[in-house]
Amino acid sequence: MQINRLLATLLAAILLSPIQPIATAQHPPCCGPISPAGARLASFLDNMDVESLWLANQHINWETGKPDRGAGYEGPGNHTHCSAFAAAAAMRLGVYLLRPPQHGQELLSNAQGEWIAGPEGQKAGWRPVSDMHRAQHLANEGHLVVVLFPNPDPHAPGHVAIVRPSEKSAHALEADGPEVIQAGQHNHNKICVRIGFENHPGAFPSGVRYYTHPLQ
């Protein structure tokens, strides 16, 4: 009898308690869905095989990302290759981004930042993007978008990456920035701007700049 009364009391308490909603709703994408052109761009970027090529601490052929010097080479151009990767990807997409032989691989990202913001970059079809929300939206629509951080010290390397399509939430975008693919000290097929640029103090969120070029 005591057990029955206890069960009845517990059941009444459960029935009379307010129902707590379960948080299952997902945050909507920040920057619209990935269009068919965006899906094609994502597939192209995946096929660049950046996590196996354009690796740091070796001299590489900027177009292919493959080593072109013997093991143990310690001369110039054997550090990181973010700018060579960005230039090679743009070239394969039919877009010119400052690259060899017009500029060597040393400090190329700084030179790309200066070039793309100037008249030559505009003449080549590049346009500045107002903010990271717009940058992610354009990538989702299938446009080529780069994010650049020219180093304030002209003798130290900057960084550059390509924004890739992503259906990340507005909260994730504000916290971490757009999704990118990049070469660098560590190469990543998918990483956010905040982490990808973390070795460059002052880069994220206000120090980076976004530029876009339409694709055929």
N, C-alpha and C. Protein backbone atom coordinates (compact mmCIF):
# COMPACT_ATOMS: atom_id res chain seq x y z
N MET A 1 0.83 -1.20 0.00
CA MET A 1 0.00 0.00 0.00
C MET A 1 0.87 1.25 0.00
N GLN A 2 1.93 1.25 0.84
CA GLN A 2 2.81 2.41 0.86
C GLN A 2 3.49 2.61 -0.48
N ILE A 3 3.88 1.51 -1.14
CA ILE A 3 4.51 1.60 -2.46
C ILE A 3 3.53 2.18 -3.48
N ASN A 4 2.26 1.73 -3.40
CA ASN A 4 1.26 2.24 -4.34
C ASN A 4 1.03 3.73 -4.15
N ARG A 5 0.98 4.15 -2.87
CA ARG A 5 0.79 5.57 -2.60
C ARG A 5 1.98 6.39 -3.09
N LEU A 6 3.19 5.84 -2.94
CA LEU A 6 4.39 6.53 -3.41
C LEU A 6 4.38 6.67 -4.92
N LEU A 7 4.00 5.59 -5.61
CA LEU A 7 3.93 5.64 -7.08
C LEU A 7 2.89 6.64 -7.54
N ALA A 8 1.75 6.66 -6.84
CA ALA A 8 0.70 7.61 -7.21
C ALA A 8 1.16 9.04 -7.03
N THR A 9 1.91 9.30 -5.94
CA THR A 9 2.42 10.65 -5.69
C THR A 9 3.41 11.08 -6.76
N LEU A 10 4.32 10.17 -7.15
CA LEU A 10 5.30 10.48 -8.19
C LEU A 10 4.63 10.74 -9.52
N LEU A 11 3.59 9.92 -9.84
CA LEU A 11 2.89 10.10 -11.11
C LEU A 11 2.18 11.43 -11.15
N ALA A 12 1.57 11.81 -10.04
CA ALA A 12 0.88 13.10 -9.99
C ALA A 12 1.85 14.25 -10.15
N ALA A 13 3.01 14.11 -9.52
CA ALA A 13 4.02 15.18 -9.63
C ALA A 13 4.50 15.34 -11.06
N ILE A 14 4.67 14.20 -11.76
CA ILE A 14 5.12 14.25 -13.15
C ILE A 14 4.07 14.90 -14.03
N LEU A 15 2.80 14.51 -13.83
CA LEU A 15 1.72 15.02 -14.67
C LEU A 15 1.47 16.50 -14.44
N LEU A 16 1.69 16.97 -13.20
CA LEU A 16 1.43 18.37 -12.88
C LEU A 16 2.62 19.28 -13.14
N SER A 17 3.79 18.70 -13.38
CA SER A 17 4.99 19.51 -13.63
C SER A 17 4.92 20.11 -15.03
N PRO A 18 5.42 21.34 -15.21
CA PRO A 18 5.45 21.93 -16.56
C PRO A 18 6.38 21.14 -17.47
N ILE A 19 5.98 21.00 -18.72
CA ILE A 19 6.78 20.26 -19.69
C ILE A 19 7.93 21.14 -20.18
N GLN A 20 9.15 20.64 -20.06
CA GLN A 20 10.32 21.39 -20.50
C GLN A 20 10.59 21.09 -21.97
N PRO A 21 10.66 22.10 -22.81
CA PRO A 21 10.94 21.84 -24.22
C PRO A 21 12.33 21.28 -24.42
N ILE A 22 12.49 20.40 -25.37
CA ILE A 22 13.79 19.82 -25.71
C ILE A 22 14.40 20.65 -26.84
N ALA A 23 15.64 21.11 -26.65
CA ALA A 23 16.29 21.99 -27.63
C ALA A 23 16.85 21.14 -28.76
N THR A 24 16.05 20.97 -29.81
CA THR A 24 16.50 20.17 -30.94
C THR A 24 16.59 20.99 -32.23
N ALA A 25 16.03 22.20 -32.22
CA ALA A 25 16.04 23.01 -33.43
C ALA A 25 17.46 23.44 -33.76
N GLN A 26 17.84 23.30 -35.01
CA GLN A 26 19.17 23.70 -35.46
C GLN A 26 19.18 25.17 -35.88
N HIS A 27 20.32 25.82 -35.69
CA HIS A 27 20.45 27.19 -36.18
C HIS A 27 20.40 27.17 -37.70
N PRO A 28 19.65 28.08 -38.31
CA PRO A 28 19.61 28.11 -39.77
C PRO A 28 20.95 28.58 -40.34
N PRO A 29 21.23 28.25 -41.60
CA PRO A 29 22.48 28.71 -42.21
C PRO A 29 22.58 30.23 -42.20
N CYS A 30 23.78 30.73 -41.97
CA CYS A 30 23.97 32.18 -41.88
C CYS A 30 23.82 32.87 -43.22
N CYS A 31 24.18 32.16 -44.28
CA CYS A 31 24.44 32.86 -45.54
C CYS A 31 23.76 32.20 -46.72
N GLY A 32 22.62 31.59 -46.47
CA GLY A 32 21.87 30.96 -47.55
C GLY A 32 22.36 29.56 -47.85
N PRO A 33 21.58 28.83 -48.63
CA PRO A 33 21.97 27.46 -48.99
C PRO A 33 23.12 27.46 -49.98
N ILE A 34 23.74 26.31 -50.14
CA ILE A 34 24.79 26.14 -51.14
C ILE A 34 24.12 25.87 -52.48
N SER A 35 24.35 26.74 -53.44
CA SER A 35 23.76 26.61 -54.76
C SER A 35 24.45 25.50 -55.55
N PRO A 36 23.89 25.08 -56.70
CA PRO A 36 24.60 24.11 -57.54
C PRO A 36 26.00 24.58 -57.92
N ALA A 37 26.15 25.88 -58.22
CA ALA A 37 27.49 26.40 -58.53
C ALA A 37 28.39 26.32 -57.31
N GLY A 38 27.82 26.58 -56.13
CA GLY A 38 28.60 26.45 -54.90
C GLY A 38 29.03 25.02 -54.65
N ALA A 39 28.16 24.08 -54.94
CA ALA A 39 28.51 22.66 -54.77
C ALA A 39 29.64 22.27 -55.73
N ARG A 40 29.61 22.81 -56.94
CA ARG A 40 30.69 22.51 -57.89
C ARG A 40 32.01 23.11 -57.40
N LEU A 41 31.94 24.31 -56.84
CA LEU A 41 33.15 24.94 -56.30
C LEU A 41 33.70 24.12 -55.14
N ALA A 42 32.83 23.65 -54.25
CA ALA A 42 33.27 22.84 -53.13
C ALA A 42 33.95 21.56 -53.60
N SER A 43 33.37 20.93 -54.63
CA SER A 43 33.97 19.71 -55.17
C SER A 43 35.34 19.99 -55.78
N PHE A 44 35.44 21.10 -56.50
CA PHE A 44 36.73 21.49 -57.08
C PHE A 44 37.78 21.67 -55.99
N LEU A 45 37.42 22.38 -54.92
CA LEU A 45 38.37 22.64 -53.84
C LEU A 45 38.78 21.34 -53.15
N ASP A 46 37.82 20.43 -52.95
CA ASP A 46 38.16 19.13 -52.36
C ASP A 46 39.19 18.40 -53.20
N ASN A 47 39.06 18.52 -54.52
CA ASN A 47 39.96 17.80 -55.43
C ASN A 47 41.34 18.43 -55.55
N MET A 48 41.56 19.59 -54.92
CA MET A 48 42.89 20.19 -54.94
C MET A 48 43.87 19.40 -54.08
N ASP A 49 43.36 18.57 -53.18
CA ASP A 49 44.21 17.69 -52.35
C ASP A 49 45.23 18.50 -51.55
N VAL A 50 44.75 19.58 -50.94
CA VAL A 50 45.67 20.49 -50.25
C VAL A 50 46.33 19.85 -49.04
N GLU A 51 45.74 18.84 -48.45
CA GLU A 51 46.35 18.25 -47.26
C GLU A 51 47.51 17.31 -47.59
N SER A 52 47.71 17.06 -48.88
CA SER A 52 48.84 16.22 -49.31
C SER A 52 49.85 16.99 -50.14
N LEU A 53 49.49 18.16 -50.62
CA LEU A 53 50.35 18.97 -51.48
C LEU A 53 50.53 20.37 -50.88
N TRP A 54 51.45 21.16 -51.45
CA TRP A 54 51.76 22.50 -50.94
C TRP A 54 52.13 22.43 -49.45
N LEU A 55 52.87 21.40 -49.07
CA LEU A 55 53.20 21.20 -47.67
C LEU A 55 54.36 22.10 -47.24
N ALA A 56 54.32 22.49 -45.98
CA ALA A 56 55.35 23.39 -45.43
C ALA A 56 56.69 22.68 -45.32
N ASN A 57 57.73 23.51 -45.24
CA ASN A 57 59.11 23.05 -44.98
C ASN A 57 59.70 22.24 -46.12
N GLN A 58 59.24 22.51 -47.33
CA GLN A 58 59.86 21.95 -48.53
C GLN A 58 59.64 22.92 -49.68
N HIS A 59 60.55 22.92 -50.62
CA HIS A 59 60.38 23.77 -51.81
C HIS A 59 59.45 23.05 -52.76
N ILE A 60 58.45 23.78 -53.30
CA ILE A 60 57.45 23.13 -54.15
C ILE A 60 57.31 23.85 -55.49
N ASN A 61 56.78 23.13 -56.45
CA ASN A 61 56.31 23.73 -57.69
C ASN A 61 54.98 24.42 -57.36
N TRP A 62 54.90 25.73 -57.55
CA TRP A 62 53.73 26.46 -57.08
C TRP A 62 52.45 26.01 -57.77
N GLU A 63 52.54 25.54 -59.02
CA GLU A 63 51.34 25.13 -59.75
C GLU A 63 50.78 23.80 -59.28
N THR A 64 51.65 22.87 -58.95
CA THR A 64 51.21 21.51 -58.61
C THR A 64 51.23 21.23 -57.11
N GLY A 65 52.02 21.99 -56.37
CA GLY A 65 52.17 21.73 -54.95
C GLY A 65 53.13 20.60 -54.62
N LYS A 66 53.75 20.01 -55.64
CA LYS A 66 54.66 18.90 -55.42
C LYS A 66 56.08 19.40 -55.14
N PRO A 67 56.84 18.70 -54.30
CA PRO A 67 58.23 19.10 -54.06
C PRO A 67 59.04 19.09 -55.36
N ASP A 68 59.90 20.10 -55.52
CA ASP A 68 60.72 20.15 -56.73
C ASP A 68 62.20 20.31 -56.40
N ARG A 69 62.56 20.11 -55.13
CA ARG A 69 63.96 20.10 -54.72
C ARG A 69 64.20 18.84 -53.90
N GLY A 70 65.43 18.44 -53.80
CA GLY A 70 65.76 17.23 -53.07
C GLY A 70 65.50 17.34 -51.58
N ALA A 71 65.45 16.20 -50.92
CA ALA A 71 65.25 16.17 -49.47
C ALA A 71 66.38 16.90 -48.77
N GLY A 72 66.03 17.66 -47.74
CA GLY A 72 67.04 18.38 -46.99
C GLY A 72 67.33 19.77 -47.53
N TYR A 73 66.65 20.19 -48.60
CA TYR A 73 66.86 21.55 -49.13
C TYR A 73 66.47 22.58 -48.08
N GLU A 74 67.34 23.52 -47.81
CA GLU A 74 67.09 24.53 -46.79
C GLU A 74 67.23 25.94 -47.33
N GLY A 75 67.13 26.12 -48.64
CA GLY A 75 67.23 27.44 -49.23
C GLY A 75 65.92 28.21 -49.13
N PRO A 76 65.84 29.35 -49.81
CA PRO A 76 64.61 30.15 -49.77
C PRO A 76 63.45 29.41 -50.43
N GLY A 77 62.23 29.74 -49.96
CA GLY A 77 61.03 29.16 -50.56
C GLY A 77 60.65 27.80 -50.02
N ASN A 78 61.18 27.42 -48.86
CA ASN A 78 60.86 26.09 -48.34
C ASN A 78 60.04 26.15 -47.06
N HIS A 79 59.31 27.24 -46.85
CA HIS A 79 58.56 27.40 -45.60
C HIS A 79 57.09 27.04 -45.82
N THR A 80 56.21 28.01 -45.87
CA THR A 80 54.79 27.73 -46.07
C THR A 80 54.35 28.24 -47.44
N HIS A 81 53.19 27.74 -47.91
CA HIS A 81 52.82 27.97 -49.31
C HIS A 81 51.36 28.35 -49.49
N CYS A 82 50.83 29.17 -48.56
CA CYS A 82 49.43 29.58 -48.67
C CYS A 82 49.16 30.34 -49.95
N SER A 83 50.07 31.25 -50.31
CA SER A 83 49.85 32.09 -51.48
C SER A 83 50.02 31.31 -52.78
N ALA A 84 50.94 30.35 -52.80
CA ALA A 84 51.10 29.52 -54.00
C ALA A 84 49.87 28.67 -54.22
N PHE A 85 49.31 28.12 -53.12
CA PHE A 85 48.09 27.32 -53.25
C PHE A 85 46.94 28.18 -53.76
N ALA A 86 46.75 29.36 -53.19
CA ALA A 86 45.65 30.23 -53.63
C ALA A 86 45.80 30.60 -55.10
N ALA A 87 47.03 30.91 -55.52
CA ALA A 87 47.26 31.27 -56.92
C ALA A 87 47.00 30.09 -57.85
N ALA A 88 47.42 28.89 -57.42
CA ALA A 88 47.22 27.71 -58.26
C ALA A 88 45.74 27.37 -58.39
N ALA A 89 44.99 27.47 -57.29
CA ALA A 89 43.56 27.20 -57.35
C ALA A 89 42.87 28.21 -58.26
N ALA A 90 43.22 29.49 -58.11
CA ALA A 90 42.63 30.53 -58.96
C ALA A 90 42.95 30.27 -60.43
N MET A 91 44.18 29.90 -60.72
CA MET A 91 44.58 29.64 -62.10
C MET A 91 43.74 28.52 -62.70
N ARG A 92 43.52 27.45 -61.94
CA ARG A 92 42.73 26.33 -62.45
C ARG A 92 41.27 26.71 -62.66
N LEU A 93 40.83 27.74 -61.98
CA LEU A 93 39.47 28.24 -62.15
C LEU A 93 39.39 29.32 -63.23
N GLY A 94 40.51 29.61 -63.87
CA GLY A 94 40.52 30.61 -64.94
C GLY A 94 40.60 32.04 -64.45
N VAL A 95 41.12 32.24 -63.23
CA VAL A 95 41.21 33.57 -62.63
C VAL A 95 42.67 33.88 -62.33
N TYR A 96 43.08 35.12 -62.62
CA TYR A 96 44.46 35.50 -62.32
C TYR A 96 44.53 36.11 -60.93
N LEU A 97 45.40 35.55 -60.10
CA LEU A 97 45.81 36.10 -58.82
C LEU A 97 47.33 36.18 -58.87
N LEU A 98 47.88 37.29 -58.44
CA LEU A 98 49.33 37.50 -58.54
C LEU A 98 50.09 36.22 -58.18
N ARG A 99 51.04 35.85 -59.05
CA ARG A 99 51.71 34.55 -58.93
C ARG A 99 53.05 34.62 -59.65
N PRO A 100 53.89 33.59 -59.49
CA PRO A 100 55.12 33.52 -60.29
C PRO A 100 54.76 33.41 -61.78
N PRO A 101 55.57 33.95 -62.69
CA PRO A 101 56.86 34.61 -62.43
C PRO A 101 56.74 36.10 -62.13
N GLN A 102 55.50 36.65 -62.14
CA GLN A 102 55.36 38.07 -61.85
C GLN A 102 55.84 38.43 -60.44
N HIS A 103 55.77 37.46 -59.52
CA HIS A 103 56.32 37.65 -58.18
C HIS A 103 56.74 36.29 -57.67
N GLY A 104 57.91 36.23 -57.03
CA GLY A 104 58.39 34.97 -56.49
C GLY A 104 57.54 34.49 -55.33
N GLN A 105 57.80 33.28 -54.87
CA GLN A 105 57.03 32.71 -53.78
C GLN A 105 57.34 33.34 -52.43
N GLU A 106 58.51 33.95 -52.29
CA GLU A 106 58.86 34.61 -51.03
C GLU A 106 57.97 35.83 -50.81
N LEU A 107 57.29 35.86 -49.64
CA LEU A 107 56.42 36.97 -49.25
C LEU A 107 55.34 37.26 -50.29
N LEU A 108 54.91 36.23 -50.98
CA LEU A 108 53.91 36.40 -52.04
C LEU A 108 52.56 36.84 -51.48
N SER A 109 52.16 36.35 -50.31
CA SER A 109 50.85 36.73 -49.78
C SER A 109 50.76 38.23 -49.50
N ASN A 110 51.84 38.83 -49.01
CA ASN A 110 51.85 40.28 -48.82
C ASN A 110 51.68 41.01 -50.14
N ALA A 111 52.39 40.54 -51.14
CA ALA A 111 52.30 41.15 -52.47
C ALA A 111 50.91 40.96 -53.06
N GLN A 112 50.30 39.79 -52.85
CA GLN A 112 48.95 39.56 -53.34
C GLN A 112 47.95 40.52 -52.70
N GLY A 113 48.13 40.77 -51.39
CA GLY A 113 47.25 41.70 -50.71
C GLY A 113 47.34 43.10 -51.26
N GLU A 114 48.55 43.55 -51.56
CA GLU A 114 48.73 44.88 -52.14
C GLU A 114 48.20 44.92 -53.56
N TRP A 115 48.47 43.87 -54.33
CA TRP A 115 48.06 43.84 -55.74
C TRP A 115 46.54 43.80 -55.88
N ILE A 116 45.88 42.95 -55.10
CA ILE A 116 44.44 42.76 -55.28
C ILE A 116 43.65 43.99 -54.85
N ALA A 117 44.22 44.79 -53.94
CA ALA A 117 43.53 45.99 -53.48
C ALA A 117 43.77 47.18 -54.41
N GLY A 118 44.70 47.04 -55.34
CA GLY A 118 45.05 48.14 -56.22
C GLY A 118 44.40 48.07 -57.58
N PRO A 119 44.79 48.94 -58.47
CA PRO A 119 44.16 49.00 -59.80
C PRO A 119 44.37 47.74 -60.63
N GLU A 120 45.51 47.06 -60.46
CA GLU A 120 45.74 45.85 -61.24
C GLU A 120 44.78 44.74 -60.83
N GLY A 121 44.52 44.63 -59.53
CA GLY A 121 43.55 43.64 -59.08
C GLY A 121 42.16 43.93 -59.59
N GLN A 122 41.77 45.20 -59.56
CA GLN A 122 40.46 45.59 -60.06
C GLN A 122 40.36 45.34 -61.57
N LYS A 123 41.43 45.63 -62.28
CA LYS A 123 41.45 45.39 -63.71
C LYS A 123 41.31 43.91 -64.03
N ALA A 124 41.84 43.05 -63.16
CA ALA A 124 41.76 41.60 -63.36
C ALA A 124 40.41 41.03 -62.96
N GLY A 125 39.52 41.87 -62.41
CA GLY A 125 38.17 41.42 -62.10
C GLY A 125 37.87 41.19 -60.63
N TRP A 126 38.82 41.50 -59.75
CA TRP A 126 38.61 41.32 -58.31
C TRP A 126 37.89 42.52 -57.72
N ARG A 127 37.02 42.25 -56.74
CA ARG A 127 36.28 43.31 -56.06
C ARG A 127 36.31 43.07 -54.55
N PRO A 128 36.42 44.13 -53.75
CA PRO A 128 36.38 43.94 -52.29
C PRO A 128 35.00 43.49 -51.83
N VAL A 129 34.97 42.74 -50.75
CA VAL A 129 33.73 42.26 -50.15
C VAL A 129 33.55 42.97 -48.81
N SER A 130 32.36 43.44 -48.55
CA SER A 130 32.12 44.33 -47.42
C SER A 130 32.35 43.67 -46.06
N ASP A 131 31.97 42.41 -45.91
CA ASP A 131 32.10 41.76 -44.61
C ASP A 131 32.12 40.25 -44.78
N MET A 132 32.36 39.54 -43.67
CA MET A 132 32.50 38.09 -43.75
C MET A 132 31.19 37.39 -44.05
N HIS A 133 30.05 37.99 -43.66
CA HIS A 133 28.75 37.40 -44.00
C HIS A 133 28.57 37.38 -45.51
N ARG A 134 28.88 38.49 -46.15
CA ARG A 134 28.77 38.58 -47.61
C ARG A 134 29.78 37.64 -48.27
N ALA A 135 30.97 37.52 -47.69
CA ALA A 135 31.99 36.63 -48.25
C ALA A 135 31.51 35.18 -48.26
N GLN A 136 30.92 34.73 -47.14
CA GLN A 136 30.43 33.35 -47.09
C GLN A 136 29.26 33.15 -48.04
N HIS A 137 28.40 34.15 -48.16
CA HIS A 137 27.26 34.06 -49.07
C HIS A 137 27.73 33.92 -50.52
N LEU A 138 28.72 34.72 -50.91
CA LEU A 138 29.23 34.66 -52.28
C LEU A 138 29.86 33.30 -52.58
N ALA A 139 30.60 32.76 -51.61
CA ALA A 139 31.17 31.43 -51.80
C ALA A 139 30.06 30.40 -51.96
N ASN A 140 29.01 30.50 -51.17
CA ASN A 140 27.88 29.57 -51.29
C ASN A 140 27.21 29.66 -52.65
N GLU A 141 27.28 30.85 -53.26
CA GLU A 141 26.70 31.04 -54.59
C GLU A 141 27.64 30.58 -55.70
N GLY A 142 28.87 30.21 -55.35
CA GLY A 142 29.80 29.70 -56.35
C GLY A 142 30.81 30.70 -56.86
N HIS A 143 31.01 31.80 -56.14
CA HIS A 143 32.03 32.78 -56.52
C HIS A 143 33.35 32.44 -55.84
N LEU A 144 34.44 32.79 -56.48
CA LEU A 144 35.75 32.64 -55.86
C LEU A 144 35.94 33.79 -54.87
N VAL A 145 36.23 33.46 -53.63
CA VAL A 145 36.44 34.46 -52.58
C VAL A 145 37.73 34.13 -51.85
N VAL A 146 38.60 35.11 -51.71
CA VAL A 146 39.82 34.92 -50.93
C VAL A 146 39.78 35.82 -49.71
N VAL A 147 40.43 35.38 -48.66
CA VAL A 147 40.60 36.19 -47.45
C VAL A 147 42.09 36.37 -47.23
N LEU A 148 42.51 37.62 -47.05
CA LEU A 148 43.92 37.98 -47.02
C LEU A 148 44.27 38.74 -45.75
N PHE A 149 45.47 38.48 -45.25
CA PHE A 149 46.03 39.28 -44.17
C PHE A 149 47.47 39.63 -44.54
N PRO A 150 47.68 40.79 -45.19
CA PRO A 150 49.05 41.23 -45.44
C PRO A 150 49.71 41.61 -44.10
N ASN A 151 50.89 41.11 -43.86
CA ASN A 151 51.55 41.37 -42.60
C ASN A 151 51.96 42.85 -42.50
N PRO A 152 51.66 43.51 -41.38
CA PRO A 152 52.12 44.90 -41.24
C PRO A 152 53.62 45.05 -41.34
N ASP A 153 54.35 43.98 -41.00
CA ASP A 153 55.80 43.96 -41.19
C ASP A 153 56.07 43.43 -42.59
N PRO A 154 56.52 44.26 -43.52
CA PRO A 154 56.69 43.81 -44.90
C PRO A 154 57.74 42.73 -45.06
N HIS A 155 58.55 42.50 -44.03
CA HIS A 155 59.59 41.47 -44.11
C HIS A 155 59.14 40.14 -43.49
N ALA A 156 57.89 40.10 -43.01
CA ALA A 156 57.35 38.88 -42.41
C ALA A 156 56.16 38.43 -43.26
N PRO A 157 55.93 37.11 -43.38
CA PRO A 157 54.86 36.63 -44.24
C PRO A 157 53.48 36.95 -43.68
N GLY A 158 52.55 37.19 -44.59
CA GLY A 158 51.13 37.30 -44.25
C GLY A 158 50.47 35.95 -44.46
N HIS A 159 49.18 36.00 -44.79
CA HIS A 159 48.45 34.74 -44.98
C HIS A 159 47.29 34.98 -45.94
N VAL A 160 46.93 33.93 -46.67
CA VAL A 160 45.80 33.99 -47.59
C VAL A 160 45.14 32.62 -47.62
N ALA A 161 43.82 32.60 -47.75
CA ALA A 161 43.05 31.37 -47.84
C ALA A 161 41.88 31.59 -48.79
N ILE A 162 41.23 30.51 -49.19
CA ILE A 162 40.06 30.58 -50.06
C ILE A 162 38.83 30.20 -49.25
N VAL A 163 37.80 31.04 -49.34
CA VAL A 163 36.54 30.75 -48.64
C VAL A 163 35.82 29.64 -49.39
N ARG A 164 35.40 28.61 -48.66
CA ARG A 164 34.69 27.50 -49.29
C ARG A 164 33.23 27.53 -48.88
N PRO A 165 32.33 27.01 -49.71
CA PRO A 165 30.92 26.98 -49.35
C PRO A 165 30.68 26.25 -48.03
N SER A 166 29.76 26.80 -47.25
CA SER A 166 29.44 26.21 -45.95
C SER A 166 28.07 26.69 -45.50
N GLU A 167 27.32 25.80 -44.88
CA GLU A 167 26.01 26.16 -44.32
C GLU A 167 26.12 26.36 -42.82
N LYS A 168 27.20 26.96 -42.37
CA LYS A 168 27.37 27.21 -40.94
C LYS A 168 26.35 28.23 -40.45
N SER A 169 26.11 28.22 -39.16
CA SER A 169 25.11 29.10 -38.58
C SER A 169 25.66 30.51 -38.42
N ALA A 170 24.76 31.46 -38.18
CA ALA A 170 25.17 32.84 -37.94
C ALA A 170 26.03 32.93 -36.69
N HIS A 171 25.70 32.15 -35.66
CA HIS A 171 26.49 32.15 -34.43
C HIS A 171 27.91 31.67 -34.71
N ALA A 172 28.05 30.59 -35.48
CA ALA A 172 29.37 30.06 -35.81
C ALA A 172 30.16 31.05 -36.66
N LEU A 173 29.47 31.73 -37.57
CA LEU A 173 30.15 32.70 -38.41
C LEU A 173 30.70 33.85 -37.57
N GLU A 174 29.89 34.39 -36.67
CA GLU A 174 30.34 35.51 -35.84
C GLU A 174 31.50 35.09 -34.95
N ALA A 175 31.47 33.87 -34.45
CA ALA A 175 32.51 33.41 -33.54
C ALA A 175 33.80 33.04 -34.26
N ASP A 176 33.68 32.44 -35.43
CA ASP A 176 34.83 31.81 -36.08
C ASP A 176 35.15 32.31 -37.47
N GLY A 177 34.26 33.07 -38.09
CA GLY A 177 34.49 33.52 -39.45
C GLY A 177 34.08 32.47 -40.47
N PRO A 178 34.22 32.78 -41.75
CA PRO A 178 33.86 31.84 -42.81
C PRO A 178 34.69 30.57 -42.77
N GLU A 179 34.21 29.59 -43.51
CA GLU A 179 34.96 28.34 -43.68
C GLU A 179 35.94 28.51 -44.83
N VAL A 180 37.17 28.04 -44.65
CA VAL A 180 38.19 28.21 -45.69
C VAL A 180 38.94 26.91 -45.94
N ILE A 181 39.63 26.90 -47.06
CA ILE A 181 40.62 25.87 -47.40
C ILE A 181 41.94 26.60 -47.52
N GLN A 182 43.02 26.00 -47.00
CA GLN A 182 44.29 26.72 -46.99
C GLN A 182 45.49 25.80 -46.89
N ALA A 183 46.58 26.29 -47.42
CA ALA A 183 47.90 25.76 -47.10
C ALA A 183 48.50 26.67 -46.04
N GLY A 184 49.51 26.17 -45.34
CA GLY A 184 50.14 26.96 -44.29
C GLY A 184 51.10 26.10 -43.51
N GLN A 185 51.34 26.46 -42.26
CA GLN A 185 52.16 25.60 -41.42
C GLN A 185 51.51 24.23 -41.29
N HIS A 186 50.18 24.25 -41.26
CA HIS A 186 49.39 23.02 -41.35
C HIS A 186 48.33 23.26 -42.42
N ASN A 187 48.19 22.32 -43.34
CA ASN A 187 47.22 22.47 -44.43
C ASN A 187 45.87 21.90 -43.99
N HIS A 188 44.81 22.58 -44.41
CA HIS A 188 43.46 22.17 -44.02
C HIS A 188 42.51 22.28 -45.20
N ASN A 189 41.77 21.21 -45.44
CA ASN A 189 40.73 21.25 -46.45
C ASN A 189 39.54 22.07 -45.96
N LYS A 190 39.26 21.99 -44.66
CA LYS A 190 38.17 22.75 -44.06
C LYS A 190 38.61 23.26 -42.69
N ILE A 191 38.57 24.57 -42.51
CA ILE A 191 38.90 25.17 -41.23
C ILE A 191 38.31 26.57 -41.22
N CYS A 192 38.06 27.13 -40.05
CA CYS A 192 37.49 28.47 -39.98
C CYS A 192 38.61 29.51 -40.02
N VAL A 193 38.25 30.74 -40.38
CA VAL A 193 39.23 31.82 -40.48
C VAL A 193 39.90 32.07 -39.13
N ARG A 194 39.14 32.03 -38.05
CA ARG A 194 39.71 32.32 -36.73
C ARG A 194 40.90 31.40 -36.43
N ILE A 195 40.75 30.12 -36.67
CA ILE A 195 41.83 29.17 -36.38
C ILE A 195 42.88 29.20 -37.48
N GLY A 196 42.44 29.30 -38.73
CA GLY A 196 43.38 29.29 -39.83
C GLY A 196 44.36 30.45 -39.81
N PHE A 197 43.93 31.59 -39.23
CA PHE A 197 44.77 32.80 -39.20
C PHE A 197 45.30 33.08 -37.79
N GLU A 198 45.22 32.11 -36.88
CA GLU A 198 45.55 32.38 -35.48
C GLU A 198 47.04 32.65 -35.27
N ASN A 199 47.89 32.25 -36.19
CA ASN A 199 49.32 32.55 -36.04
C ASN A 199 49.68 33.97 -36.45
N HIS A 200 48.67 34.75 -36.83
CA HIS A 200 48.90 36.13 -37.27
C HIS A 200 48.10 37.06 -36.35
N PRO A 201 48.71 37.56 -35.28
CA PRO A 201 48.00 38.43 -34.34
C PRO A 201 47.38 39.63 -35.06
N GLY A 202 46.14 39.91 -34.70
CA GLY A 202 45.43 41.04 -35.30
C GLY A 202 44.70 40.71 -36.58
N ALA A 203 44.78 39.45 -37.04
CA ALA A 203 44.14 39.11 -38.31
C ALA A 203 42.63 39.00 -38.17
N PHE A 204 42.16 38.11 -37.28
CA PHE A 204 40.72 37.90 -37.14
C PHE A 204 40.22 38.58 -35.88
N PRO A 205 39.09 39.30 -35.97
CA PRO A 205 38.21 39.40 -37.14
C PRO A 205 38.43 40.62 -38.01
N SER A 206 39.11 41.65 -37.45
CA SER A 206 39.09 42.95 -38.13
C SER A 206 40.27 43.19 -39.06
N GLY A 207 41.30 42.35 -38.98
CA GLY A 207 42.49 42.61 -39.78
C GLY A 207 42.48 41.98 -41.16
N VAL A 208 41.62 40.98 -41.37
CA VAL A 208 41.58 40.32 -42.67
C VAL A 208 40.72 41.11 -43.65
N ARG A 209 40.96 40.87 -44.92
CA ARG A 209 40.17 41.51 -45.98
C ARG A 209 39.70 40.44 -46.95
N TYR A 210 38.49 40.61 -47.49
CA TYR A 210 37.88 39.64 -48.39
C TYR A 210 37.75 40.26 -49.78
N TYR A 211 38.01 39.42 -50.81
CA TYR A 211 37.87 39.85 -52.20
C TYR A 211 37.22 38.71 -52.98
N THR A 212 36.47 39.09 -54.01
CA THR A 212 35.77 38.07 -54.79
C THR A 212 35.97 38.28 -56.27
N HIS A 213 35.85 37.18 -56.99
CA HIS A 213 35.93 37.19 -58.46
C HIS A 213 34.86 36.23 -58.97
N PRO A 214 34.03 36.65 -59.92
CA PRO A 214 33.02 35.73 -60.45
C PRO A 214 33.67 34.59 -61.24
N LEU A 215 32.99 33.47 -61.28
CA LEU A 215 33.44 32.31 -62.05
C LEU A 215 32.46 32.02 -63.17
N GLN A 216 32.99 31.52 -64.28
CA GLN A 216 32.13 31.11 -65.38
C GLN A 216 31.45 29.80 -65.03
